[in-house]
Amino acid sequence: MTNPAARLAGRREWTAFTVLLLPLLLVSMDVSVLYFAIPAITRELDPSATQQLWIFDSYAFALAGLLITMGSLGDRIGRRRLLLMGATAFGVASVCAAYATSAEMLIAARVLLGVGGATLMPSTLALVRNLFQDAKQRGQAIAIWSGAMTGGIALGSVMSGVLLNHFWWGSVFLINVPAMLLLLVLVPVLVPEFKDPAPGRFDLLSVPLSTAAVLPVVYGLKEIAAEGARPLHLVAVAVGLAFGFVFVRRQRTRDDAMVSRALFRGRGFGAGIALNTIAAFAMMGSAYFTTQYLQSVLGMGTLEAALWSLAPSLVIGAAAPIGAALAQRTDRAYVVAGGFALAAGGFALISLVGSDSLWLLLTGAGVLASGIVTVMSLVSDMALGSAPAEKAGSAASLLETGQEFGGALGMAVLGSLGTAVYRSDLSDAAPAARETLGGAVATAHQLGGAAGEQLLAVAREAFVHGMQYAAWGGTALLLAAALLAAALLRGLGAPATEPAEAAETAEPAEPTEEIEDIEELAGQVASLAGEISELADKAAASRS
């Protein structure tokens, strides 16, 4: 509901918000911008197989590892200042990447891009929280923000393909430069500064602890999705979780903690982060299969597949604003639960996809993405609205770190489930073909003739079979999330922004009950993930 005491945003705030969408689009596009450029980069820079992987992953790792640090830093030095610093770093890194003369130089530039991205992402979302004090307007703005972030990831690969049809591979990075220059000019004019008036000391030791907690887990989960649960990957996850335990204990016991305990005093903050993480799990888990299906099952070229993957975005743009409008009229618990249920319906449609079902796949992906974007926008608004305004940077960074964890976990769990079924169906095939569908395509091309065509047909059917199992697992998870959302968020409604004086004098609620709810939610999600893994083992056993 709208709080009459909150100041309504006018044309200046909405113009500033439009400017803030620019860095958001560029950072999200950079996740996928290398899809087309890597063959040209390989010809020019001749990277090793390991270097090629790091060219892809160094950006995401740097971004994920520094989000918590940069969110807390923005609260202390000012979110606008951090945004301008990040834009400068992002622009310089883009030039370095475009004119890189070696694989090592390109990897270093991608790391710097990730550092810049880690400053831009929480800064933009925190500034949205500060620009829009009215709950209704803030919900509308965050709905647009969520849609822009999702669309930017899909747009990145298409933009890359279009640029590479006319220019050299460095152009996919140089496109960032004029946008960042425009940002550096407009932000000081249009966006006011916001920061915590009494931030306390900056806890330097928490910086390496937070990075050591996030990076090994994200790395391990990504590698599990790509190569399976090997000992090194499981050790990486375990090391990250151990550092995470130390980091959390430090935050609970220090007055100058990087992650303030005041964040969890607002009802709904922890639940919002947990539900946002589950939503990211579903989004990235489905993307793991849909992109491969378009290219390796239907045989599309990369640019054609990227263009088709934009089709679901046509409905995503309307989903979040509709969800925000519904949340103003009814209990948001039911709107969030409805978003999860809608996304579960998308997974159910994907479970019906055969080896030649383009439109069914796109429909399922569109329905799933619409539900997920609705959930993400509502729970992000809920979490930010319940957090103290002076801690908006830290709140935004925790939301986005949860998304990184959820995305990596979704690819690992659902990817492993699909891979187990795929390998079981191809138990008699050559080792290279049995590992991945891409390996089967390469082996089929080497064989040629009828034998190659038969292998390719069997491999595609096996991949679709694995995708169906993963979709069933995703459907079960999202239906469980819908029930959890209805239970955890019931009666929460739309967060109303309190006047600054009231916010300072209000008696904070104890976070114990909220933390217990989140621990219970995490336990149930972990249990469900275990059941999905058991389903993969049973599927593999039954098919062997």
Protein backbone atom coordinates (compact mmCIF):
# COMPACT_ATOMS: atom_id res chain seq x y z
CA MET A 1 0.00 0.00 0.00
CA THR A 2 1.04 3.63 -0.44
CA ASN A 3 2.31 5.40 2.63
CA PRO A 4 0.96 8.97 2.64
CA ALA A 5 3.99 10.15 4.67
CA ALA A 6 6.42 9.05 1.94
CA ARG A 7 7.46 11.57 -0.69
CA LEU A 8 6.31 10.64 -4.18
CA ALA A 9 8.97 10.43 -6.87
CA GLY A 10 8.60 12.86 -9.76
CA ARG A 11 10.03 13.28 -13.24
CA ARG A 12 13.57 13.82 -11.94
CA GLU A 13 13.61 10.54 -10.00
CA TRP A 14 12.15 8.56 -12.90
CA THR A 15 14.69 10.11 -15.28
CA ALA A 16 17.48 9.17 -12.87
CA PHE A 17 16.06 5.66 -12.70
CA THR A 18 16.17 5.40 -16.50
CA VAL A 19 19.84 6.34 -16.40
CA LEU A 20 20.48 3.67 -13.75
CA LEU A 21 19.07 1.00 -16.06
CA LEU A 22 22.01 1.59 -18.42
CA PRO A 23 24.75 0.04 -16.25
CA LEU A 24 22.37 -2.75 -15.25
CA LEU A 25 21.85 -3.71 -18.90
CA LEU A 26 25.58 -3.62 -19.67
CA VAL A 27 26.58 -5.70 -16.64
CA SER A 28 23.94 -8.34 -17.36
CA MET A 29 24.81 -8.37 -21.08
CA ASP A 30 28.47 -9.00 -20.26
CA VAL A 31 27.48 -12.38 -18.79
CA SER A 32 26.65 -13.69 -22.29
CA VAL A 33 28.48 -11.34 -24.66
CA LEU A 34 31.33 -13.80 -25.36
CA TYR A 35 29.12 -16.58 -26.79
CA PHE A 36 29.86 -15.54 -30.38
CA ALA A 37 33.25 -13.91 -29.88
CA ILE A 38 35.14 -16.91 -28.50
CA PRO A 39 35.98 -18.50 -31.92
CA ALA A 40 37.52 -15.24 -33.15
CA ILE A 41 39.34 -14.76 -29.84
CA THR A 42 40.68 -18.30 -30.12
CA ARG A 43 42.06 -17.57 -33.61
CA GLU A 44 43.65 -14.29 -32.56
CA LEU A 45 45.00 -15.01 -29.07
CA ASP A 46 45.40 -18.81 -29.21
CA PRO A 47 44.37 -19.48 -25.56
CA SER A 48 44.81 -22.90 -24.00
CA ALA A 49 41.71 -24.85 -22.99
CA THR A 50 42.14 -23.70 -19.39
CA GLN A 51 42.65 -20.08 -20.43
CA GLN A 52 39.53 -20.23 -22.58
CA LEU A 53 37.50 -21.32 -19.57
CA TRP A 54 38.91 -18.49 -17.48
CA ILE A 55 38.11 -15.97 -20.22
CA PHE A 56 34.50 -17.01 -19.74
CA ASP A 57 34.38 -17.48 -15.97
CA SER A 58 36.73 -14.84 -14.51
CA TYR A 59 34.10 -12.12 -14.93
CA ALA A 60 31.39 -14.03 -13.07
CA PHE A 61 33.76 -15.15 -10.31
CA ALA A 62 35.07 -11.63 -9.64
CA LEU A 63 31.54 -10.23 -9.64
CA ALA A 64 30.15 -12.88 -7.28
CA GLY A 65 33.09 -12.73 -4.88
CA LEU A 66 32.98 -8.95 -4.38
CA LEU A 67 29.24 -8.19 -4.26
CA ILE A 68 28.99 -8.24 -0.45
CA THR A 69 32.12 -6.10 -0.06
CA MET A 70 31.01 -3.52 -2.61
CA GLY A 71 27.50 -3.26 -1.18
CA SER A 72 28.90 -2.49 2.27
CA LEU A 73 31.48 -0.09 0.81
CA GLY A 74 28.74 1.82 -1.03
CA ASP A 75 26.83 2.31 2.21
CA ARG A 76 29.96 3.91 3.69
CA ILE A 77 31.40 6.08 0.91
CA GLY A 78 28.16 6.79 -0.98
CA ARG A 79 26.29 4.71 -3.55
CA ARG A 80 26.56 7.31 -6.30
CA ARG A 81 30.31 7.67 -5.73
CA LEU A 82 30.78 3.91 -5.88
CA LEU A 83 28.65 3.77 -9.04
CA LEU A 84 30.87 6.36 -10.73
CA MET A 85 34.02 4.53 -9.64
CA GLY A 86 32.60 1.28 -10.97
CA ALA A 87 31.59 2.87 -14.27
CA THR A 88 35.13 4.21 -14.71
CA ALA A 89 36.65 0.81 -13.96
CA PHE A 90 34.17 -0.91 -16.27
CA GLY A 91 34.94 1.47 -19.13
CA VAL A 92 38.73 1.17 -18.73
CA ALA A 93 38.49 -2.62 -18.49
CA SER A 94 36.33 -2.72 -21.63
CA VAL A 95 39.03 -0.88 -23.61
CA CYS A 96 41.73 -3.21 -22.22
CA ALA A 97 39.66 -6.27 -23.14
CA ALA A 98 38.94 -4.97 -26.66
CA TYR A 99 42.62 -4.44 -27.42
CA ALA A 100 44.04 -7.39 -25.48
CA THR A 101 47.08 -8.90 -27.19
CA SER A 102 47.24 -12.12 -25.17
CA ALA A 103 44.94 -14.50 -23.35
CA GLU A 104 46.44 -13.45 -20.02
CA MET A 105 45.69 -9.78 -20.72
CA LEU A 106 42.10 -10.60 -21.68
CA ILE A 107 41.59 -12.65 -18.51
CA ALA A 108 42.93 -9.77 -16.40
CA ALA A 109 40.61 -7.35 -18.17
CA ARG A 110 37.65 -9.67 -17.56
CA VAL A 111 38.53 -9.77 -13.85
CA LEU A 112 38.54 -5.95 -13.78
CA LEU A 113 35.19 -5.98 -15.58
CA GLY A 114 33.87 -8.23 -12.82
CA VAL A 115 35.17 -5.84 -10.16
CA GLY A 116 33.39 -2.98 -11.93
CA GLY A 117 30.25 -5.05 -12.25
CA ALA A 118 30.31 -5.84 -8.53
CA THR A 119 30.20 -2.10 -7.79
CA LEU A 120 27.49 -1.32 -10.36
CA MET A 121 24.95 -4.03 -9.50
CA PRO A 122 24.32 -3.28 -5.78
CA SER A 123 24.76 0.46 -6.32
CA THR A 124 21.98 0.68 -8.90
CA LEU A 125 19.51 -1.37 -6.85
CA ALA A 126 20.35 0.51 -3.64
CA LEU A 127 19.85 3.85 -5.40
CA VAL A 128 16.44 2.64 -6.62
CA ARG A 129 15.57 1.95 -2.97
CA ASN A 130 16.59 5.50 -2.05
CA LEU A 131 15.01 7.30 -5.01
CA PHE A 132 11.57 5.75 -4.50
CA GLN A 133 10.37 6.20 -0.93
CA ASP A 134 6.76 5.38 -1.77
CA ALA A 135 6.17 1.61 -1.61
CA LYS A 136 3.98 1.47 -4.71
CA GLN A 137 6.42 3.43 -6.87
CA ARG A 138 9.35 1.43 -5.57
CA GLY A 139 7.58 -1.81 -6.46
CA GLN A 140 7.01 -0.54 -10.00
CA ALA A 141 10.64 0.52 -10.36
CA ILE A 142 12.04 -2.78 -9.07
CA ALA A 143 9.70 -4.67 -11.40
CA ILE A 144 11.18 -2.78 -14.36
CA TRP A 145 14.68 -3.29 -12.93
CA SER A 146 14.17 -7.08 -12.70
CA GLY A 147 12.85 -7.30 -16.26
CA ALA A 148 15.76 -5.26 -17.59
CA MET A 149 18.30 -7.49 -15.86
CA THR A 150 16.74 -10.66 -17.26
CA GLY A 151 16.41 -9.19 -20.73
CA GLY A 152 19.99 -7.96 -20.72
CA ILE A 153 21.37 -11.49 -20.35
CA ALA A 154 19.40 -12.65 -23.41
CA LEU A 155 20.27 -9.49 -25.35
CA GLY A 156 24.01 -9.86 -24.77
CA SER A 157 24.48 -12.87 -27.04
CA VAL A 158 22.37 -11.31 -29.81
CA MET A 159 24.25 -8.00 -29.61
CA SER A 160 27.51 -9.95 -29.79
CA GLY A 161 26.41 -11.78 -32.94
CA VAL A 162 25.27 -8.58 -34.68
CA LEU A 163 28.51 -6.74 -33.89
CA LEU A 164 30.70 -9.63 -35.02
CA ASN A 165 28.94 -9.69 -38.38
CA HIS A 166 30.39 -6.22 -39.05
CA PHE A 167 33.39 -5.66 -36.75
CA TRP A 168 36.25 -7.48 -35.04
CA TRP A 169 35.85 -9.36 -31.77
CA GLY A 170 36.91 -6.40 -29.60
CA SER A 171 33.76 -4.53 -30.59
CA VAL A 172 31.71 -6.61 -28.13
CA PHE A 173 33.64 -4.86 -25.34
CA LEU A 174 33.93 -1.38 -26.87
CA ILE A 175 30.13 -1.08 -26.97
CA ASN A 176 30.36 -0.50 -23.20
CA VAL A 177 32.54 2.60 -23.47
CA PRO A 178 30.11 5.25 -24.84
CA ALA A 179 27.42 4.00 -22.44
CA MET A 180 29.75 4.38 -19.46
CA LEU A 181 30.85 7.84 -20.60
CA LEU A 182 27.20 8.85 -20.80
CA LEU A 183 26.69 7.46 -17.31
CA LEU A 184 29.61 9.47 -15.93
CA VAL A 185 28.07 12.65 -17.36
CA LEU A 186 24.43 12.10 -16.36
CA VAL A 187 24.66 10.46 -12.93
CA PRO A 188 26.25 13.46 -11.12
CA VAL A 189 23.52 15.69 -12.58
CA LEU A 190 20.46 13.49 -12.06
CA VAL A 191 21.20 11.08 -9.21
CA PRO A 192 21.56 12.39 -5.64
CA GLU A 193 24.06 10.89 -3.24
CA PHE A 194 22.96 8.49 -0.50
CA LYS A 195 25.04 6.86 2.22
CA ASP A 196 24.88 5.66 5.79
CA PRO A 197 25.32 8.70 8.06
CA ALA A 198 26.90 6.56 10.81
CA PRO A 199 28.47 3.53 9.12
CA GLY A 200 31.08 2.66 11.74
CA ARG A 201 34.48 1.16 10.99
CA PHE A 202 34.98 -0.90 7.84
CA ASP A 203 35.76 -4.52 8.77
CA LEU A 204 38.73 -5.27 6.52
CA LEU A 205 39.07 -8.92 7.60
CA SER A 206 35.53 -9.64 6.43
CA VAL A 207 36.53 -8.78 2.84
CA PRO A 208 38.73 -11.86 2.27
CA LEU A 209 36.38 -13.96 4.40
CA SER A 210 33.34 -13.10 2.28
CA THR A 211 35.27 -13.70 -0.94
CA ALA A 212 36.62 -17.01 0.35
CA ALA A 213 33.08 -18.03 1.29
CA VAL A 214 31.49 -17.18 -2.06
CA LEU A 215 34.10 -18.02 -4.71
CA PRO A 216 34.83 -21.70 -3.89
CA VAL A 217 31.11 -22.51 -3.65
CA VAL A 218 30.24 -20.81 -6.95
CA TYR A 219 33.27 -22.39 -8.64
CA GLY A 220 32.48 -25.86 -7.30
CA LEU A 221 28.82 -25.69 -8.30
CA LYS A 222 29.63 -24.46 -11.81
CA GLU A 223 32.17 -27.26 -12.29
CA ILE A 224 29.76 -29.87 -10.94
CA ALA A 225 27.24 -28.73 -13.55
CA ALA A 226 29.86 -28.97 -16.31
CA GLU A 227 31.85 -32.06 -15.34
CA GLY A 228 29.99 -33.86 -12.57
CA ALA A 229 30.57 -34.21 -8.83
CA ARG A 230 34.33 -34.83 -8.80
CA PRO A 231 36.28 -34.78 -5.50
CA LEU A 232 38.00 -31.45 -6.23
CA HIS A 233 34.68 -29.74 -6.90
CA LEU A 234 33.10 -31.13 -3.73
CA VAL A 235 36.14 -30.01 -1.72
CA ALA A 236 35.80 -26.50 -3.18
CA VAL A 237 32.17 -26.32 -2.05
CA ALA A 238 33.09 -27.63 1.40
CA VAL A 239 35.92 -25.07 1.77
CA GLY A 240 33.59 -22.26 0.78
CA LEU A 241 30.95 -23.38 3.26
CA ALA A 242 33.58 -23.54 6.02
CA PHE A 243 34.68 -19.96 5.30
CA GLY A 244 31.01 -18.98 5.13
CA PHE A 245 30.47 -20.35 8.63
CA VAL A 246 33.40 -18.27 9.93
CA PHE A 247 32.11 -15.18 8.08
CA VAL A 248 28.60 -15.50 9.51
CA ARG A 249 29.90 -15.96 13.06
CA ARG A 250 32.03 -12.84 12.66
CA GLN A 251 29.04 -10.82 11.45
CA ARG A 252 26.98 -11.95 14.45
CA THR A 253 29.55 -10.95 17.04
CA ARG A 254 30.94 -7.60 15.83
CA ASP A 255 29.41 -4.15 16.13
CA ASP A 256 31.16 -3.05 12.91
CA ALA A 257 30.03 -6.10 10.95
CA MET A 258 30.08 -5.84 7.16
CA VAL A 259 26.58 -7.34 7.06
CA SER A 260 24.61 -5.46 9.71
CA ARG A 261 22.28 -7.47 11.93
CA ALA A 262 19.81 -4.60 11.55
CA LEU A 263 19.03 -5.91 8.08
CA PHE A 264 17.35 -9.00 9.53
CA ARG A 265 15.20 -7.04 11.97
CA GLY A 266 12.82 -6.12 9.18
CA ARG A 267 10.20 -8.81 8.68
CA GLY A 268 10.60 -10.46 5.32
CA PHE A 269 14.24 -9.61 4.57
CA GLY A 270 15.66 -13.09 5.11
CA ALA A 271 12.66 -14.76 3.50
CA GLY A 272 13.03 -12.48 0.48
CA ILE A 273 16.67 -13.48 -0.01
CA ALA A 274 15.88 -17.19 0.34
CA LEU A 275 12.96 -17.08 -2.11
CA ASN A 276 14.99 -14.99 -4.55
CA THR A 277 17.72 -17.64 -4.42
CA ILE A 278 15.20 -20.38 -5.26
CA ALA A 279 13.90 -18.28 -8.17
CA ALA A 280 17.44 -17.93 -9.55
CA PHE A 281 17.89 -21.69 -9.11
CA ALA A 282 14.94 -22.31 -11.44
CA MET A 283 15.88 -19.63 -13.97
CA MET A 284 19.47 -20.75 -14.52
CA GLY A 285 18.62 -24.43 -14.20
CA SER A 286 16.17 -24.14 -17.09
CA ALA A 287 18.58 -22.02 -19.18
CA TYR A 288 21.17 -24.81 -18.89
CA PHE A 289 18.91 -27.02 -21.03
CA THR A 290 17.10 -24.59 -23.32
CA THR A 291 20.26 -23.13 -24.85
CA GLN A 292 21.68 -26.59 -25.57
CA TYR A 293 18.34 -27.77 -26.95
CA LEU A 294 18.19 -24.96 -29.51
CA GLN A 295 21.74 -25.52 -30.74
CA SER A 296 22.47 -29.22 -30.33
CA VAL A 297 19.02 -30.82 -30.59
CA LEU A 298 17.42 -28.57 -33.21
CA GLY A 299 20.78 -27.88 -34.87
CA MET A 300 20.51 -24.07 -34.92
CA GLY A 301 23.49 -21.81 -35.41
CA THR A 302 24.53 -19.69 -32.44
CA LEU A 303 23.03 -16.44 -33.75
CA GLU A 304 19.78 -18.13 -34.76
CA ALA A 305 19.52 -19.78 -31.33
CA ALA A 306 20.20 -16.46 -29.60
CA LEU A 307 17.48 -14.73 -31.62
CA TRP A 308 14.94 -17.47 -30.81
CA SER A 309 15.91 -17.27 -27.13
CA LEU A 310 14.70 -13.66 -27.14
CA ALA A 311 11.13 -14.80 -27.84
CA PRO A 312 10.26 -15.51 -24.16
CA SER A 313 11.42 -11.97 -23.31
CA LEU A 314 8.38 -10.58 -25.12
CA VAL A 315 6.13 -11.68 -22.25
CA ILE A 316 8.64 -11.15 -19.43
CA GLY A 317 8.43 -7.37 -19.76
CA ALA A 318 4.76 -7.36 -18.74
CA ALA A 319 4.97 -10.02 -16.02
CA ALA A 320 6.76 -8.06 -13.29
CA PRO A 321 4.63 -4.87 -13.54
CA ILE A 322 1.44 -6.97 -13.44
CA GLY A 323 2.74 -8.80 -10.38
CA ALA A 324 3.61 -5.48 -8.71
CA ALA A 325 0.09 -4.16 -9.41
CA LEU A 326 -1.50 -7.31 -7.96
CA ALA A 327 0.67 -7.06 -4.85
CA GLN A 328 -0.83 -3.62 -4.18
CA ARG A 329 -4.33 -5.10 -4.14
CA THR A 330 -3.89 -8.37 -2.29
CA ASP A 331 -1.57 -10.16 0.09
CA ARG A 332 1.77 -10.43 -1.67
CA ALA A 333 2.23 -13.90 -0.20
CA TYR A 334 -0.35 -15.19 -2.65
CA VAL A 335 1.10 -13.23 -5.58
CA VAL A 336 4.59 -14.64 -4.90
CA ALA A 337 3.13 -18.12 -4.46
CA GLY A 338 1.23 -17.63 -7.72
CA GLY A 339 4.47 -16.61 -9.46
CA PHE A 340 6.16 -19.82 -8.29
CA ALA A 341 3.11 -21.86 -9.38
CA LEU A 342 3.18 -20.17 -12.81
CA ALA A 343 6.88 -20.96 -13.15
CA ALA A 344 6.17 -24.57 -12.14
CA GLY A 345 3.66 -24.68 -15.00
CA GLY A 346 6.43 -23.55 -17.33
CA PHE A 347 8.64 -26.41 -16.16
CA ALA A 348 5.69 -28.79 -16.63
CA LEU A 349 5.39 -27.66 -20.27
CA ILE A 350 9.13 -28.18 -20.78
CA SER A 351 8.74 -31.74 -19.43
CA LEU A 352 6.50 -32.44 -22.46
CA VAL A 353 9.04 -31.24 -25.02
CA GLY A 354 10.16 -33.79 -27.61
CA SER A 355 13.13 -33.73 -29.97
CA ASP A 356 11.35 -31.32 -32.36
CA SER A 357 9.20 -29.05 -30.19
CA LEU A 358 10.50 -25.51 -30.66
CA TRP A 359 7.26 -23.69 -29.91
CA LEU A 360 6.42 -25.82 -26.90
CA LEU A 361 9.89 -25.16 -25.50
CA LEU A 362 9.63 -21.41 -26.08
CA THR A 363 6.15 -21.33 -24.54
CA GLY A 364 7.33 -23.23 -21.47
CA ALA A 365 10.40 -21.01 -21.15
CA GLY A 366 8.25 -17.88 -21.45
CA VAL A 367 5.76 -19.06 -18.82
CA LEU A 368 8.57 -20.09 -16.48
CA ALA A 369 10.47 -16.81 -16.91
CA SER A 370 7.31 -14.75 -16.38
CA GLY A 371 6.65 -16.45 -13.06
CA ILE A 372 10.26 -16.18 -11.94
CA VAL A 373 10.63 -12.50 -12.83
CA THR A 374 7.39 -11.79 -10.95
CA VAL A 375 8.78 -13.54 -7.88
CA MET A 376 12.17 -11.85 -8.12
CA SER A 377 10.74 -8.35 -8.41
CA LEU A 378 8.31 -8.79 -5.52
CA VAL A 379 10.70 -10.43 -3.07
CA SER A 380 13.48 -7.95 -3.98
CA ASP A 381 11.10 -5.07 -3.27
CA MET A 382 10.01 -6.75 -0.05
CA ALA A 383 13.59 -7.32 1.15
CA LEU A 384 14.76 -3.81 0.25
CA GLY A 385 11.65 -2.18 1.68
CA SER A 386 12.07 -3.97 5.03
CA ALA A 387 15.78 -3.09 5.28
CA PRO A 388 16.90 0.24 6.77
CA ALA A 389 17.44 2.80 4.00
CA GLU A 390 21.00 3.47 5.19
CA LYS A 391 21.83 -0.22 4.68
CA ALA A 392 20.36 -0.45 1.16
CA GLY A 393 23.73 -1.24 -0.43
CA SER A 394 24.36 -4.21 1.83
CA ALA A 395 20.78 -5.39 1.34
CA ALA A 396 21.11 -5.22 -2.46
CA SER A 397 24.44 -7.05 -2.40
CA LEU A 398 22.99 -9.91 -0.33
CA LEU A 399 20.09 -10.25 -2.75
CA GLU A 400 22.42 -10.45 -5.73
CA THR A 401 24.85 -12.81 -3.99
CA GLY A 402 21.90 -15.10 -3.30
CA GLN A 403 21.05 -14.98 -7.00
CA GLU A 404 24.60 -16.04 -7.88
CA PHE A 405 24.40 -18.97 -5.47
CA GLY A 406 20.95 -19.95 -6.69
CA GLY A 407 21.95 -19.82 -10.35
CA ALA A 408 25.05 -21.94 -9.81
CA LEU A 409 23.12 -24.42 -7.66
CA GLY A 410 20.33 -24.69 -10.24
CA MET A 411 22.78 -25.52 -13.01
CA ALA A 412 24.55 -28.05 -10.77
CA VAL A 413 21.50 -29.88 -9.38
CA LEU A 414 19.23 -29.89 -12.45
CA GLY A 415 22.21 -30.26 -14.78
CA SER A 416 23.45 -33.27 -12.85
CA LEU A 417 20.00 -34.82 -12.92
CA GLY A 418 19.70 -34.41 -16.68
CA THR A 419 23.26 -35.61 -17.26
CA ALA A 420 22.70 -38.77 -15.17
CA VAL A 421 19.72 -39.71 -17.34
CA TYR A 422 21.58 -38.82 -20.55
CA ARG A 423 24.60 -40.97 -19.66
CA SER A 424 22.37 -43.85 -18.63
CA ASP A 425 20.56 -43.78 -21.99
CA LEU A 426 23.92 -43.74 -23.82
CA SER A 427 25.64 -46.37 -21.70
CA ASP A 428 26.78 -48.31 -24.80
CA ALA A 429 28.05 -45.27 -26.73
CA ALA A 430 31.64 -44.09 -27.11
CA PRO A 431 33.04 -42.28 -24.01
CA ALA A 432 33.14 -38.86 -25.72
CA ALA A 433 29.53 -39.18 -26.89
CA ARG A 434 28.41 -40.40 -23.47
CA GLU A 435 29.86 -37.41 -21.61
CA THR A 436 27.86 -34.57 -23.20
CA LEU A 437 25.54 -33.91 -26.11
CA GLY A 438 28.22 -31.67 -27.62
CA GLY A 439 30.61 -34.61 -27.51
CA ALA A 440 28.02 -36.81 -29.20
CA VAL A 441 27.56 -34.24 -31.98
CA ALA A 442 31.33 -34.12 -32.57
CA THR A 443 31.59 -37.93 -32.56
CA ALA A 444 28.68 -38.23 -34.98
CA HIS A 445 30.34 -35.84 -37.40
CA GLN A 446 33.55 -37.91 -37.22
CA LEU A 447 31.66 -41.15 -37.90
CA GLY A 448 29.57 -39.71 -40.73
CA GLY A 449 27.05 -41.66 -42.76
CA ALA A 450 24.25 -43.73 -41.27
CA ALA A 451 26.21 -44.56 -38.11
CA GLY A 452 26.75 -40.89 -37.32
CA GLU A 453 23.11 -40.03 -37.96
CA GLN A 454 21.93 -42.87 -35.74
CA LEU A 455 24.25 -41.82 -32.88
CA LEU A 456 23.10 -38.22 -33.20
CA ALA A 457 19.42 -39.21 -33.10
CA VAL A 458 19.91 -41.40 -30.02
CA ALA A 459 21.97 -38.71 -28.26
CA ARG A 460 19.35 -36.05 -28.92
CA GLU A 461 16.60 -38.28 -27.57
CA ALA A 462 18.70 -39.01 -24.49
CA PHE A 463 19.29 -35.31 -23.89
CA VAL A 464 15.57 -34.57 -24.19
CA HIS A 465 14.84 -37.44 -21.80
CA GLY A 466 17.27 -35.95 -19.26
CA MET A 467 15.74 -32.51 -19.74
CA GLN A 468 12.30 -33.96 -19.00
CA TYR A 469 13.52 -35.47 -15.71
CA ALA A 470 15.14 -32.15 -14.75
CA ALA A 471 11.91 -30.32 -15.59
CA TRP A 472 9.94 -32.66 -13.31
CA GLY A 473 12.42 -31.96 -10.53
CA GLY A 474 12.12 -28.21 -11.16
CA THR A 475 8.33 -28.45 -11.10
CA ALA A 476 8.40 -30.19 -7.71
CA LEU A 477 10.82 -27.62 -6.29
CA LEU A 478 8.77 -24.63 -7.45
CA LEU A 479 5.49 -26.07 -6.16
CA ALA A 480 7.17 -26.55 -2.78
CA ALA A 481 8.47 -22.97 -2.99
CA ALA A 482 4.93 -21.74 -3.68
CA LEU A 483 3.69 -23.38 -0.48
CA LEU A 484 6.62 -22.00 1.49
CA ALA A 485 6.06 -18.49 0.15
CA ALA A 486 2.38 -18.60 1.09
CA ALA A 487 3.30 -19.72 4.61
CA LEU A 488 6.26 -17.40 5.24
CA LEU A 489 4.87 -14.21 3.71
CA ARG A 490 1.22 -14.40 4.71
CA GLY A 491 0.01 -11.09 6.07
CA LEU A 492 3.21 -9.26 5.14
CA GLY A 493 1.53 -7.09 2.50
CA ALA A 494 3.38 -4.31 0.71
CA PRO A 495 6.19 -2.76 2.77
CA ALA A 496 5.36 0.79 3.77
CA THR A 497 8.22 3.26 4.04
CA GLU A 498 8.37 4.98 7.42
CA PRO A 499 9.41 8.60 7.81
CA ALA A 500 13.05 8.96 8.75
CA GLU A 501 12.29 10.14 12.28
CA ALA A 502 9.93 7.25 12.95
CA ALA A 503 12.39 4.78 11.53
CA GLU A 504 15.07 5.95 13.90
CA THR A 505 12.92 5.77 17.01
CA ALA A 506 10.94 2.63 16.24
CA GLU A 507 11.69 -0.37 18.43
CA PRO A 508 13.34 -3.01 16.21
CA ALA A 509 11.86 -6.48 16.14
CA GLU A 510 14.04 -9.35 17.20
CA PRO A 511 15.48 -11.26 14.24
CA THR A 512 15.34 -14.65 15.95
CA GLU A 513 11.99 -15.74 14.53
CA GLU A 514 12.97 -14.54 11.04
CA ILE A 515 16.26 -16.45 11.18
CA GLU A 516 14.49 -19.60 12.36
CA ASP A 517 12.07 -19.31 9.41
CA ILE A 518 14.95 -19.03 6.97
CA GLU A 519 16.81 -21.92 8.54
CA GLU A 520 13.67 -24.03 8.21
CA LEU A 521 13.27 -22.92 4.59
CA ALA A 522 16.90 -23.72 3.82
CA GLY A 523 16.51 -27.16 5.39
CA GLN A 524 13.44 -27.94 3.31
CA VAL A 525 15.10 -26.75 0.11
CA ALA A 526 18.19 -28.83 0.87
CA SER A 527 15.97 -31.85 1.54
CA LEU A 528 14.17 -31.37 -1.76
CA ALA A 529 17.48 -30.99 -3.60
CA GLY A 530 18.58 -34.28 -2.02
CA GLU A 531 15.41 -35.96 -3.23
CA ILE A 532 16.08 -34.68 -6.75
CA SER A 533 19.61 -36.11 -6.60
CA GLU A 534 18.21 -39.47 -5.42
CA LEU A 535 15.82 -39.36 -8.37
CA ALA A 536 18.80 -38.97 -10.69
CA ASP A 537 20.53 -42.00 -9.12
CA LYS A 538 17.38 -44.11 -9.44
CA ALA A 539 16.91 -43.03 -13.04
CA ALA A 540 20.48 -43.99 -13.87
CA ALA A 541 20.13 -47.36 -12.11
CA SER A 542 16.86 -48.20 -13.83
CA ARG A 543 18.22 -47.40 -17.28
CA SER A 544 21.53 -49.26 -16.91
